[in-house]
Amino acid sequence: MAEIIQRDGTWVLDGDALRLVPGRDRSVGLLRRSLGELVVPLQALAGISCEQGKKSGRLRLRLRDGSDPLLLATGGRLAEPHDPYRLVVDSDRLGVAEYLVDEVRNALLLEQVSPEPVTEYLLPGPPVPVSAAAGDGSAAFDGERVRLEWNWKTEDAKAAAGARTLALADVTAVQWQPAAGLDNGHLRFTVRNAVTASPPKYDPHAVELWGFRRDPLMALVAAAVQARLPHPGQPEGQEGREGHETVGALAPGGVPRQLPRAVEDDHDALLRRLRELGELHRTGVLTDEEFALAKRAVLQRM
């Protein structure tokens, strides 16, 4: 196990997953505090890095494209205080951060995790029910329906139609975008047979966001809906790949389910892994220390 504890949060490599716990420092964004602890399986990781700055450093996780409904719904546009996959590291703890990076990279190498995009969610997304209020309205999702309600700041043309209830089966896409400069942001739902080109200010299926403190909470609603929509990388009607476990797979109704796990831990598979590690060592990809560590971990599983 490897861990780093900072005011910004705590990251722990624990077995087959990385646990991300937000800190209690005032700089920690509202979205991260609302999400709470995240458990990111190694299979969802594409990489990790430690970046050094003048006064502090940053740990950054790079997830495999398509693995996390939060990143899909937000398009990777979360600012640092709200991004759960960044951690501010004090300058005197950069050595610990580098050690964690090495341990995660060794674990990814040992588990032969591919950095390629995935066609199924590997994280479950925020639990439901979930709701948020910001901008010109509020949004709530109970796992089956989205409810949009308006406030006194809503444009008259949109408010006149009243509150909206959208069945999940009618939602084909969801997008959260923050306000940037003079451009307002939005939480927008694309609804089957009701596509509109209207700006969010007038779109009855969108909440307009103005860059205020609670805007990022709308991303929680977007992510919860995204997690229960068909994965955009999977052909329509195609089930998850047989023989693989999907950590964040969802059964009908949004309930997490367990799929059959690939039989990777049998004796023959471990022997093949040892041979592959030996080849990586001979070709110079692994150092003597890295090879010894990886070899020992495999032997412990035999």
C-alpha atoms as a PDB file:
ATOM      1  CA  MET A   1       0.000   0.000   0.000  1.00  0.00           C
ATOM      2  CA  ALA A   2       1.140   3.543  -0.737  1.00  0.00           C
ATOM      3  CA  GLU A   3      -0.512   6.782   0.359  1.00  0.00           C
ATOM      4  CA  ILE A   4      -0.101  10.525   0.508  1.00  0.00           C
ATOM      5  CA  ILE A   5      -1.975  12.733   2.988  1.00  0.00           C
ATOM      6  CA  GLN A   6      -2.346  16.440   2.228  1.00  0.00           C
ATOM      7  CA  ARG A   7      -4.621  19.296   3.218  1.00  0.00           C
ATOM      8  CA  ASP A   8      -6.119  19.020  -0.266  1.00  0.00           C
ATOM      9  CA  GLY A   9      -6.937  15.340   0.211  1.00  0.00           C
ATOM     10  CA  THR A  10      -5.616  11.815   0.647  1.00  0.00           C
ATOM     11  CA  TRP A  11      -4.771   9.317  -2.087  1.00  0.00           C
ATOM     12  CA  VAL A  12      -4.250   5.673  -1.176  1.00  0.00           C
ATOM     13  CA  LEU A  13      -3.215   2.817  -3.455  1.00  0.00           C
ATOM     14  CA  ASP A  14      -5.076  -0.068  -1.857  1.00  0.00           C
ATOM     15  CA  GLY A  15      -4.960  -3.388  -3.702  1.00  0.00           C
ATOM     16  CA  ASP A  16      -6.676  -3.099  -7.074  1.00  0.00           C
ATOM     17  CA  ALA A  17      -7.892   0.480  -6.664  1.00  0.00           C
ATOM     18  CA  LEU A  18      -6.860   4.017  -5.828  1.00  0.00           C
ATOM     19  CA  ARG A  19      -8.954   5.672  -3.100  1.00  0.00           C
ATOM     20  CA  LEU A  20      -9.322   9.448  -3.416  1.00  0.00           C
ATOM     21  CA  VAL A  21     -10.552  11.265  -0.305  1.00  0.00           C
ATOM     22  CA  PRO A  22     -11.088  15.045  -0.518  1.00  0.00           C
ATOM     23  CA  GLY A  23      -9.498  17.176   2.196  1.00  0.00           C
ATOM     24  CA  ARG A  24     -11.200  19.705   4.433  1.00  0.00           C
ATOM     25  CA  ASP A  25      -9.135  22.687   3.345  1.00  0.00           C
ATOM     26  CA  ARG A  26     -11.102  25.741   2.209  1.00  0.00           C
ATOM     27  CA  SER A  27      -9.533  25.434  -1.246  1.00  0.00           C
ATOM     28  CA  VAL A  28     -11.270  22.086  -1.882  1.00  0.00           C
ATOM     29  CA  GLY A  29     -14.128  22.674  -4.316  1.00  0.00           C
ATOM     30  CA  LEU A  30     -17.792  22.102  -3.523  1.00  0.00           C
ATOM     31  CA  LEU A  31     -18.118  19.324  -6.095  1.00  0.00           C
ATOM     32  CA  ARG A  32     -15.219  17.321  -4.627  1.00  0.00           C
ATOM     33  CA  ARG A  33     -16.635  17.650  -1.119  1.00  0.00           C
ATOM     34  CA  SER A  34     -20.060  16.561  -2.339  1.00  0.00           C
ATOM     35  CA  LEU A  35     -18.662  13.558  -4.210  1.00  0.00           C
ATOM     36  CA  GLY A  36     -16.816  12.363  -1.131  1.00  0.00           C
ATOM     37  CA  GLU A  37     -14.487   9.380  -1.388  1.00  0.00           C
ATOM     38  CA  LEU A  38     -13.949   7.936  -4.866  1.00  0.00           C
ATOM     39  CA  VAL A  39     -12.690   4.416  -5.484  1.00  0.00           C
ATOM     40  CA  VAL A  40     -10.969   4.298  -8.877  1.00  0.00           C
ATOM     41  CA  PRO A  41     -10.146   0.763 -10.081  1.00  0.00           C
ATOM     42  CA  LEU A  42      -6.743   0.293 -11.668  1.00  0.00           C
ATOM     43  CA  GLN A  43      -8.505  -0.868 -14.841  1.00  0.00           C
ATOM     44  CA  ALA A  44      -9.878   2.678 -15.251  1.00  0.00           C
ATOM     45  CA  LEU A  45      -6.458   4.367 -15.168  1.00  0.00           C
ATOM     46  CA  ALA A  46      -4.465   5.394 -18.206  1.00  0.00           C
ATOM     47  CA  GLY A  47      -1.661   7.065 -16.260  1.00  0.00           C
ATOM     48  CA  ILE A  48      -0.529   9.203 -13.340  1.00  0.00           C
ATOM     49  CA  SER A  49       1.950  12.073 -13.131  1.00  0.00           C
ATOM     50  CA  CYS A  50       3.554  14.411 -10.589  1.00  0.00           C
ATOM     51  CA  GLU A  51       4.143  17.992 -11.703  1.00  0.00           C
ATOM     52  CA  GLN A  52       6.399  20.295  -9.711  1.00  0.00           C
ATOM     53  CA  GLY A  53       5.662  23.987  -9.344  1.00  0.00           C
ATOM     54  CA  LYS A  54       7.393  26.893  -7.608  1.00  0.00           C
ATOM     55  CA  LYS A  55       5.484  26.597  -4.342  1.00  0.00           C
ATOM     56  CA  SER A  56       3.711  23.254  -4.649  1.00  0.00           C
ATOM     57  CA  GLY A  57       3.182  20.334  -6.980  1.00  0.00           C
ATOM     58  CA  ARG A  58       0.256  18.474  -8.512  1.00  0.00           C
ATOM     59  CA  LEU A  59      -0.636  14.824  -8.719  1.00  0.00           C
ATOM     60  CA  ARG A  60      -2.784  14.138 -11.756  1.00  0.00           C
ATOM     61  CA  LEU A  61      -4.646  11.008 -12.743  1.00  0.00           C
ATOM     62  CA  ARG A  62      -5.441  10.331 -16.379  1.00  0.00           C
ATOM     63  CA  LEU A  63      -8.409   8.021 -16.795  1.00  0.00           C
ATOM     64  CA  ARG A  64      -9.084   5.852 -19.806  1.00  0.00           C
ATOM     65  CA  ASP A  65     -11.468   7.603 -22.199  1.00  0.00           C
ATOM     66  CA  GLY A  66     -15.032   6.516 -21.553  1.00  0.00           C
ATOM     67  CA  SER A  67     -14.401   4.995 -18.127  1.00  0.00           C
ATOM     68  CA  ASP A  68     -15.927   7.746 -15.978  1.00  0.00           C
ATOM     69  CA  PRO A  69     -19.427   9.193 -16.559  1.00  0.00           C
ATOM     70  CA  LEU A  70     -18.418  12.398 -14.739  1.00  0.00           C
ATOM     71  CA  LEU A  71     -15.647  13.121 -17.230  1.00  0.00           C
ATOM     72  CA  LEU A  72     -17.920  12.212 -20.141  1.00  0.00           C
ATOM     73  CA  ALA A  73     -20.718  14.513 -19.001  1.00  0.00           C
ATOM     74  CA  THR A  74     -18.385  17.437 -18.270  1.00  0.00           C
ATOM     75  CA  GLY A  75     -16.052  16.952 -21.216  1.00  0.00           C
ATOM     76  CA  GLY A  76     -13.058  17.275 -18.893  1.00  0.00           C
ATOM     77  CA  ARG A  77     -13.924  20.919 -18.161  1.00  0.00           C
ATOM     78  CA  LEU A  78     -13.822  20.757 -14.353  1.00  0.00           C
ATOM     79  CA  ALA A  79     -11.592  23.447 -12.838  1.00  0.00           C
ATOM     80  CA  GLU A  80      -8.877  22.337 -10.415  1.00  0.00           C
ATOM     81  CA  PRO A  81     -10.750  22.968  -7.130  1.00  0.00           C
ATOM     82  CA  HIS A  82     -13.545  20.661  -8.362  1.00  0.00           C
ATOM     83  CA  ASP A  83     -11.533  18.075 -10.297  1.00  0.00           C
ATOM     84  CA  PRO A  84     -11.303  14.914  -8.137  1.00  0.00           C
ATOM     85  CA  TYR A  85      -8.392  13.616 -10.219  1.00  0.00           C
ATOM     86  CA  ARG A  86      -5.944  16.358  -9.199  1.00  0.00           C
ATOM     87  CA  LEU A  87      -4.249  16.740  -5.829  1.00  0.00           C
ATOM     88  CA  VAL A  88      -2.241  19.722  -4.636  1.00  0.00           C
ATOM     89  CA  VAL A  89       0.991  18.524  -2.995  1.00  0.00           C
ATOM     90  CA  ASP A  90       3.135  20.586  -0.625  1.00  0.00           C
ATOM     91  CA  SER A  91       6.708  21.013  -1.853  1.00  0.00           C
ATOM     92  CA  ASP A  92       8.153  19.059   1.096  1.00  0.00           C
ATOM     93  CA  ARG A  93       5.969  16.048   0.197  1.00  0.00           C
ATOM     94  CA  LEU A  94       6.877  15.754  -3.462  1.00  0.00           C
ATOM     95  CA  GLY A  95       9.120  12.777  -2.679  1.00  0.00           C
ATOM     96  CA  VAL A  96       6.115  10.917  -1.263  1.00  0.00           C
ATOM     97  CA  ALA A  97       4.099  11.898  -4.331  1.00  0.00           C
ATOM     98  CA  GLU A  98       6.782  10.506  -6.637  1.00  0.00           C
ATOM     99  CA  TYR A  99       6.798   7.256  -4.656  1.00  0.00           C
ATOM    100  CA  LEU A 100       3.016   6.940  -5.072  1.00  0.00           C
ATOM    101  CA  VAL A 101       3.389   7.582  -8.810  1.00  0.00           C
ATOM    102  CA  ASP A 102       5.970   4.803  -9.079  1.00  0.00           C
ATOM    103  CA  GLU A 103       3.789   2.378  -7.127  1.00  0.00           C
ATOM    104  CA  VAL A 104       0.723   3.096  -9.273  1.00  0.00           C
ATOM    105  CA  ARG A 105       2.732   2.721 -12.479  1.00  0.00           C
ATOM    106  CA  ASN A 106       4.168  -0.595 -11.253  1.00  0.00           C
ATOM    107  CA  ALA A 107       0.658  -1.805 -10.411  1.00  0.00           C
ATOM    108  CA  LEU A 108      -0.622  -0.818 -13.871  1.00  0.00           C
ATOM    109  CA  LEU A 109       2.309  -2.641 -15.463  1.00  0.00           C
ATOM    110  CA  LEU A 110       1.786  -5.725 -13.348  1.00  0.00           C
ATOM    111  CA  GLU A 111      -1.932  -5.826 -14.112  1.00  0.00           C
ATOM    112  CA  GLN A 112      -1.243  -5.128 -17.812  1.00  0.00           C
ATOM    113  CA  VAL A 113      -3.812  -2.340 -17.871  1.00  0.00           C
ATOM    114  CA  SER A 114      -4.254  -0.912 -21.351  1.00  0.00           C
ATOM    115  CA  PRO A 115      -4.475   2.894 -21.687  1.00  0.00           C
ATOM    116  CA  GLU A 116      -6.871   2.536 -24.620  1.00  0.00           C
ATOM    117  CA  PRO A 117     -10.477   3.844 -24.486  1.00  0.00           C
ATOM    118  CA  VAL A 118     -13.146   1.578 -23.038  1.00  0.00           C
ATOM    119  CA  THR A 119     -16.666   0.800 -24.216  1.00  0.00           C
ATOM    120  CA  GLU A 120     -18.235   0.445 -20.766  1.00  0.00           C
ATOM    121  CA  TYR A 121     -18.297   2.545 -17.611  1.00  0.00           C
ATOM    122  CA  LEU A 122     -15.704   1.516 -15.029  1.00  0.00           C
ATOM    123  CA  LEU A 123     -16.920   3.967 -12.378  1.00  0.00           C
ATOM    124  CA  PRO A 124     -20.546   4.083 -11.217  1.00  0.00           C
ATOM    125  CA  GLY A 125     -21.130   7.835 -11.155  1.00  0.00           C
ATOM    126  CA  PRO A 126     -22.834   9.739  -8.292  1.00  0.00           C
ATOM    127  CA  PRO A 127     -25.531   7.887  -6.329  1.00  0.00           C
ATOM    128  CA  VAL A 128     -29.188   8.819  -6.772  1.00  0.00           C
ATOM    129  CA  PRO A 129     -31.334  10.614  -5.901  1.00  0.00           C
ATOM    130  CA  VAL A 130     -29.278  13.711  -6.612  1.00  0.00           C
ATOM    131  CA  SER A 131     -30.324  17.343  -7.028  1.00  0.00           C
ATOM    132  CA  ALA A 132     -28.811  20.785  -7.420  1.00  0.00           C
ATOM    133  CA  ALA A 133     -29.950  24.373  -7.800  1.00  0.00           C
ATOM    134  CA  ALA A 134     -28.015  27.054  -9.663  1.00  0.00           C
ATOM    135  CA  GLY A 135     -28.447  29.623 -12.391  1.00  0.00           C
ATOM    136  CA  ASP A 136     -32.037  29.922 -13.591  1.00  0.00           C
ATOM    137  CA  GLY A 137     -33.373  26.682 -12.134  1.00  0.00           C
ATOM    138  CA  SER A 138     -32.907  23.381 -10.351  1.00  0.00           C
ATOM    139  CA  ALA A 139     -32.405  19.815 -11.557  1.00  0.00           C
ATOM    140  CA  ALA A 140     -33.146  16.539  -9.785  1.00  0.00           C
ATOM    141  CA  PHE A 141     -32.684  12.930 -10.872  1.00  0.00           C
ATOM    142  CA  ASP A 142     -34.066   9.854  -9.095  1.00  0.00           C
ATOM    143  CA  GLY A 143     -32.615   7.192 -11.387  1.00  0.00           C
ATOM    144  CA  GLU A 144     -35.636   7.114 -13.712  1.00  0.00           C
ATOM    145  CA  ARG A 145     -36.729  10.713 -14.254  1.00  0.00           C
ATOM    146  CA  VAL A 146     -35.132  14.144 -14.524  1.00  0.00           C
ATOM    147  CA  ARG A 147     -37.069  17.034 -13.020  1.00  0.00           C
ATOM    148  CA  LEU A 148     -36.302  20.611 -14.104  1.00  0.00           C
ATOM    149  CA  GLU A 149     -37.872  23.523 -12.232  1.00  0.00           C
ATOM    150  CA  TRP A 150     -37.437  27.256 -12.757  1.00  0.00           C
ATOM    151  CA  ASN A 151     -36.884  30.215 -10.460  1.00  0.00           C
ATOM    152  CA  TRP A 152     -37.701  33.900 -10.627  1.00  0.00           C
ATOM    153  CA  LYS A 153     -34.603  34.578 -12.760  1.00  0.00           C
ATOM    154  CA  THR A 154     -35.759  32.292 -15.592  1.00  0.00           C
ATOM    155  CA  GLU A 155     -36.559  33.857 -18.948  1.00  0.00           C
ATOM    156  CA  ASP A 156     -40.340  34.281 -19.271  1.00  0.00           C
ATOM    157  CA  ALA A 157     -40.558  32.267 -22.494  1.00  0.00           C
ATOM    158  CA  LYS A 158     -39.005  29.230 -20.804  1.00  0.00           C
ATOM    159  CA  ALA A 159     -40.759  29.599 -17.466  1.00  0.00           C
ATOM    160  CA  ALA A 160     -44.162  29.834 -19.161  1.00  0.00           C
ATOM    161  CA  ALA A 161     -43.979  26.154 -20.136  1.00  0.00           C
ATOM    162  CA  GLY A 162     -43.666  25.203 -16.472  1.00  0.00           C
ATOM    163  CA  ALA A 163     -41.515  22.549 -14.842  1.00  0.00           C
ATOM    164  CA  ARG A 164     -40.289  19.646 -16.987  1.00  0.00           C
ATOM    165  CA  THR A 165     -40.151  15.942 -16.174  1.00  0.00           C
ATOM    166  CA  LEU A 166     -38.012  13.892 -18.549  1.00  0.00           C
ATOM    167  CA  ALA A 167     -38.090  10.112 -18.565  1.00  0.00           C
ATOM    168  CA  LEU A 168     -34.608   8.625 -18.691  1.00  0.00           C
ATOM    169  CA  ALA A 169     -35.672   6.543 -21.701  1.00  0.00           C
ATOM    170  CA  ASP A 170     -36.271   9.785 -23.633  1.00  0.00           C
ATOM    171  CA  VAL A 171     -32.885  11.338 -22.810  1.00  0.00           C
ATOM    172  CA  THR A 172     -30.227  10.615 -25.434  1.00  0.00           C
ATOM    173  CA  ALA A 173     -27.405  12.819 -24.108  1.00  0.00           C
ATOM    174  CA  VAL A 174     -26.487  15.168 -21.260  1.00  0.00           C
ATOM    175  CA  GLN A 175     -23.866  17.901 -21.090  1.00  0.00           C
ATOM    176  CA  TRP A 176     -22.550  20.179 -18.367  1.00  0.00           C
ATOM    177  CA  GLN A 177     -20.476  23.183 -19.360  1.00  0.00           C
ATOM    178  CA  PRO A 178     -19.142  25.866 -17.014  1.00  0.00           C
ATOM    179  CA  ALA A 179     -19.411  29.583 -17.608  1.00  0.00           C
ATOM    180  CA  ALA A 180     -16.289  30.992 -19.234  1.00  0.00           C
ATOM    181  CA  GLY A 181     -15.562  34.683 -19.611  1.00  0.00           C
ATOM    182  CA  LEU A 182     -18.662  36.402 -20.930  1.00  0.00           C
ATOM    183  CA  ASP A 183     -20.236  33.103 -22.019  1.00  0.00           C
ATOM    184  CA  ASN A 184     -22.712  31.479 -19.656  1.00  0.00           C
ATOM    185  CA  GLY A 185     -22.577  27.770 -18.935  1.00  0.00           C
ATOM    186  CA  HIS A 186     -25.374  25.203 -18.890  1.00  0.00           C
ATOM    187  CA  LEU A 187     -26.708  21.804 -17.948  1.00  0.00           C
ATOM    188  CA  ARG A 188     -28.470  20.557 -21.065  1.00  0.00           C
ATOM    189  CA  PHE A 189     -30.412  17.385 -21.842  1.00  0.00           C
ATOM    190  CA  THR A 190     -30.910  16.178 -25.378  1.00  0.00           C
ATOM    191  CA  VAL A 191     -34.382  14.671 -25.596  1.00  0.00           C
ATOM    192  CA  ARG A 192     -35.528  12.226 -28.265  1.00  0.00           C
ATOM    193  CA  ASN A 193     -37.908  13.850 -30.798  1.00  0.00           C
ATOM    194  CA  ALA A 194     -37.488  17.249 -29.115  1.00  0.00           C
ATOM    195  CA  VAL A 195     -34.094  18.463 -30.284  1.00  0.00           C
ATOM    196  CA  THR A 196     -33.763  22.253 -30.215  1.00  0.00           C
ATOM    197  CA  ALA A 197     -31.101  24.698 -31.336  1.00  0.00           C
ATOM    198  CA  SER A 198     -32.218  27.342 -28.827  1.00  0.00           C
ATOM    199  CA  PRO A 199     -29.587  28.723 -26.445  1.00  0.00           C
ATOM    200  CA  PRO A 200     -29.877  27.418 -22.858  1.00  0.00           C
ATOM    201  CA  LYS A 201     -31.521  30.683 -21.824  1.00  0.00           C
ATOM    202  CA  TYR A 202     -34.619  29.651 -23.817  1.00  0.00           C
ATOM    203  CA  ASP A 203     -34.232  25.855 -23.975  1.00  0.00           C
ATOM    204  CA  PRO A 204     -36.829  24.137 -21.715  1.00  0.00           C
ATOM    205  CA  HIS A 205     -34.468  21.158 -21.408  1.00  0.00           C
ATOM    206  CA  ALA A 206     -31.522  23.208 -20.131  1.00  0.00           C
ATOM    207  CA  VAL A 207     -30.541  25.114 -17.006  1.00  0.00           C
ATOM    208  CA  GLU A 208     -28.466  28.203 -17.704  1.00  0.00           C
ATOM    209  CA  LEU A 209     -25.429  28.720 -15.444  1.00  0.00           C
ATOM    210  CA  TRP A 210     -23.785  32.067 -14.726  1.00  0.00           C
ATOM    211  CA  GLY A 211     -20.513  31.100 -13.093  1.00  0.00           C
ATOM    212  CA  PHE A 212     -21.614  31.130  -9.465  1.00  0.00           C
ATOM    213  CA  ARG A 213     -20.374  28.915  -6.621  1.00  0.00           C
ATOM    214  CA  ARG A 214     -22.971  26.157  -6.903  1.00  0.00           C
ATOM    215  CA  ASP A 215     -22.699  25.669 -10.672  1.00  0.00           C
ATOM    216  CA  PRO A 216     -20.367  22.626 -10.372  1.00  0.00           C
ATOM    217  CA  LEU A 217     -23.027  20.717  -8.401  1.00  0.00           C
ATOM    218  CA  MET A 218     -25.050  20.540 -11.612  1.00  0.00           C
ATOM    219  CA  ALA A 219     -22.253  18.305 -12.910  1.00  0.00           C
ATOM    220  CA  LEU A 220     -23.297  15.702 -10.320  1.00  0.00           C
ATOM    221  CA  VAL A 221     -26.756  15.506 -11.884  1.00  0.00           C
ATOM    222  CA  ALA A 222     -25.212  15.283 -15.349  1.00  0.00           C
ATOM    223  CA  ALA A 223     -22.869  12.474 -14.289  1.00  0.00           C
ATOM    224  CA  ALA A 224     -25.628  10.483 -12.570  1.00  0.00           C
ATOM    225  CA  VAL A 225     -27.715  10.611 -15.754  1.00  0.00           C
ATOM    226  CA  GLN A 226     -24.708   9.848 -17.986  1.00  0.00           C
ATOM    227  CA  ALA A 227     -23.933   6.717 -15.945  1.00  0.00           C
ATOM    228  CA  ARG A 228     -27.372   5.354 -16.756  1.00  0.00           C
ATOM    229  CA  LEU A 229     -27.336   6.116 -20.474  1.00  0.00           C
ATOM    230  CA  PRO A 230     -25.920   3.647 -23.013  1.00  0.00           C
ATOM    231  CA  HIS A 231     -22.155   4.034 -23.238  1.00  0.00           C
ATOM    232  CA  PRO A 232     -21.304   6.210 -26.280  1.00  0.00           C
ATOM    233  CA  GLY A 233     -18.464   3.871 -27.274  1.00  0.00           C
ATOM    234  CA  GLN A 234     -20.568   0.741 -27.315  1.00  0.00           C
ATOM    235  CA  PRO A 235     -22.572  -0.327 -30.405  1.00  0.00           C
ATOM    236  CA  GLU A 236     -26.288  -0.172 -29.728  1.00  0.00           C
ATOM    237  CA  GLY A 237     -27.600  -3.409 -28.302  1.00  0.00           C
ATOM    238  CA  GLN A 238     -24.149  -4.832 -27.574  1.00  0.00           C
ATOM    239  CA  GLU A 239     -23.678  -6.214 -24.092  1.00  0.00           C
ATOM    240  CA  GLY A 240     -20.479  -5.805 -22.084  1.00  0.00           C
ATOM    241  CA  ARG A 241     -17.569  -7.935 -23.273  1.00  0.00           C
ATOM    242  CA  GLU A 242     -17.885 -11.479 -22.002  1.00  0.00           C
ATOM    243  CA  GLY A 243     -15.327 -12.550 -19.449  1.00  0.00           C
ATOM    244  CA  HIS A 244     -14.537  -9.073 -18.130  1.00  0.00           C
ATOM    245  CA  GLU A 245     -15.716  -7.424 -14.954  1.00  0.00           C
ATOM    246  CA  THR A 246     -17.242  -3.972 -15.247  1.00  0.00           C
ATOM    247  CA  VAL A 247     -16.720  -2.179 -11.966  1.00  0.00           C
ATOM    248  CA  GLY A 248     -19.355   0.465 -12.592  1.00  0.00           C
ATOM    249  CA  ALA A 249     -21.795  -1.561 -14.715  1.00  0.00           C
ATOM    250  CA  LEU A 250     -25.435  -0.741 -14.070  1.00  0.00           C
ATOM    251  CA  ALA A 251     -28.408  -3.055 -14.196  1.00  0.00           C
ATOM    252  CA  PRO A 252     -31.836  -1.731 -15.267  1.00  0.00           C
ATOM    253  CA  GLY A 253     -32.936   0.984 -12.876  1.00  0.00           C
ATOM    254  CA  GLY A 254     -29.376   2.161 -12.222  1.00  0.00           C
ATOM    255  CA  VAL A 255     -28.419  -0.514  -9.675  1.00  0.00           C
ATOM    256  CA  PRO A 256     -24.739  -1.547  -9.760  1.00  0.00           C
ATOM    257  CA  ARG A 257     -24.287  -5.147 -10.816  1.00  0.00           C
ATOM    258  CA  GLN A 258     -21.406  -7.561 -10.876  1.00  0.00           C
ATOM    259  CA  LEU A 259     -20.418  -9.115 -14.181  1.00  0.00           C
ATOM    260  CA  PRO A 260     -18.320 -12.282 -14.501  1.00  0.00           C
ATOM    261  CA  ARG A 261     -14.636 -11.615 -13.825  1.00  0.00           C
ATOM    262  CA  ALA A 262     -12.018 -12.849 -16.269  1.00  0.00           C
ATOM    263  CA  VAL A 263     -10.116 -15.849 -14.952  1.00  0.00           C
ATOM    264  CA  GLU A 264      -6.722 -14.151 -14.708  1.00  0.00           C
ATOM    265  CA  ASP A 265      -5.475 -15.620 -11.483  1.00  0.00           C
ATOM    266  CA  ASP A 266      -5.095 -19.238 -12.513  1.00  0.00           C
ATOM    267  CA  HIS A 267      -1.679 -20.813 -12.560  1.00  0.00           C
ATOM    268  CA  ASP A 268      -1.146 -20.674 -16.342  1.00  0.00           C
ATOM    269  CA  ALA A 269      -2.054 -16.981 -16.529  1.00  0.00           C
ATOM    270  CA  LEU A 270       0.427 -16.132 -13.795  1.00  0.00           C
ATOM    271  CA  LEU A 271       3.156 -18.137 -15.511  1.00  0.00           C
ATOM    272  CA  ARG A 272       2.510 -16.205 -18.734  1.00  0.00           C
ATOM    273  CA  ARG A 273       2.754 -12.966 -16.790  1.00  0.00           C
ATOM    274  CA  LEU A 274       6.086 -14.002 -15.333  1.00  0.00           C
ATOM    275  CA  ARG A 275       7.425 -14.721 -18.817  1.00  0.00           C
ATOM    276  CA  GLU A 276       6.186 -11.348 -20.066  1.00  0.00           C
ATOM    277  CA  LEU A 277       7.815  -9.560 -17.133  1.00  0.00           C
ATOM    278  CA  GLY A 278      11.057 -11.416 -17.854  1.00  0.00           C
ATOM    279  CA  GLU A 279      10.941 -10.238 -21.452  1.00  0.00           C
ATOM    280  CA  LEU A 280      10.324  -6.639 -20.364  1.00  0.00           C
ATOM    281  CA  HIS A 281      13.315  -6.926 -18.045  1.00  0.00           C
ATOM    282  CA  ARG A 282      15.586  -8.352 -20.711  1.00  0.00           C
ATOM    283  CA  THR A 283      14.683  -5.605 -23.172  1.00  0.00           C
ATOM    284  CA  GLY A 284      15.356  -2.885 -20.607  1.00  0.00           C
ATOM    285  CA  VAL A 285      11.765  -1.712 -20.124  1.00  0.00           C
ATOM    286  CA  LEU A 286      11.897  -2.758 -16.454  1.00  0.00           C
ATOM    287  CA  THR A 287      14.819  -1.980 -14.170  1.00  0.00           C
ATOM    288  CA  ASP A 288      16.201  -4.691 -11.874  1.00  0.00           C
ATOM    289  CA  GLU A 289      14.286  -3.216  -8.929  1.00  0.00           C
ATOM    290  CA  GLU A 290      11.018  -2.918 -10.862  1.00  0.00           C
ATOM    291  CA  PHE A 291      11.338  -6.468 -12.164  1.00  0.00           C
ATOM    292  CA  ALA A 292      12.029  -7.856  -8.698  1.00  0.00           C
ATOM    293  CA  LEU A 293       9.032  -6.030  -7.251  1.00  0.00           C
ATOM    294  CA  ALA A 294       6.680  -7.152 -10.026  1.00  0.00           C
ATOM    295  CA  LYS A 295       7.974 -10.736  -9.922  1.00  0.00           C
ATOM    296  CA  ARG A 296       7.500 -10.924  -6.164  1.00  0.00           C
ATOM    297  CA  ALA A 297       3.921  -9.682  -6.439  1.00  0.00           C
ATOM    298  CA  VAL A 298       3.107 -12.350  -9.042  1.00  0.00           C
ATOM    299  CA  LEU A 299       4.710 -15.140  -7.025  1.00  0.00           C
ATOM    300  CA  GLN A 300       2.667 -14.141  -3.985  1.00  0.00           C
ATOM    301  CA  ARG A 301      -0.493 -14.741  -6.006  1.00  0.00           C
ATOM    302  CA  MET A 302       0.521 -18.222  -7.189  1.00  0.00           C
END
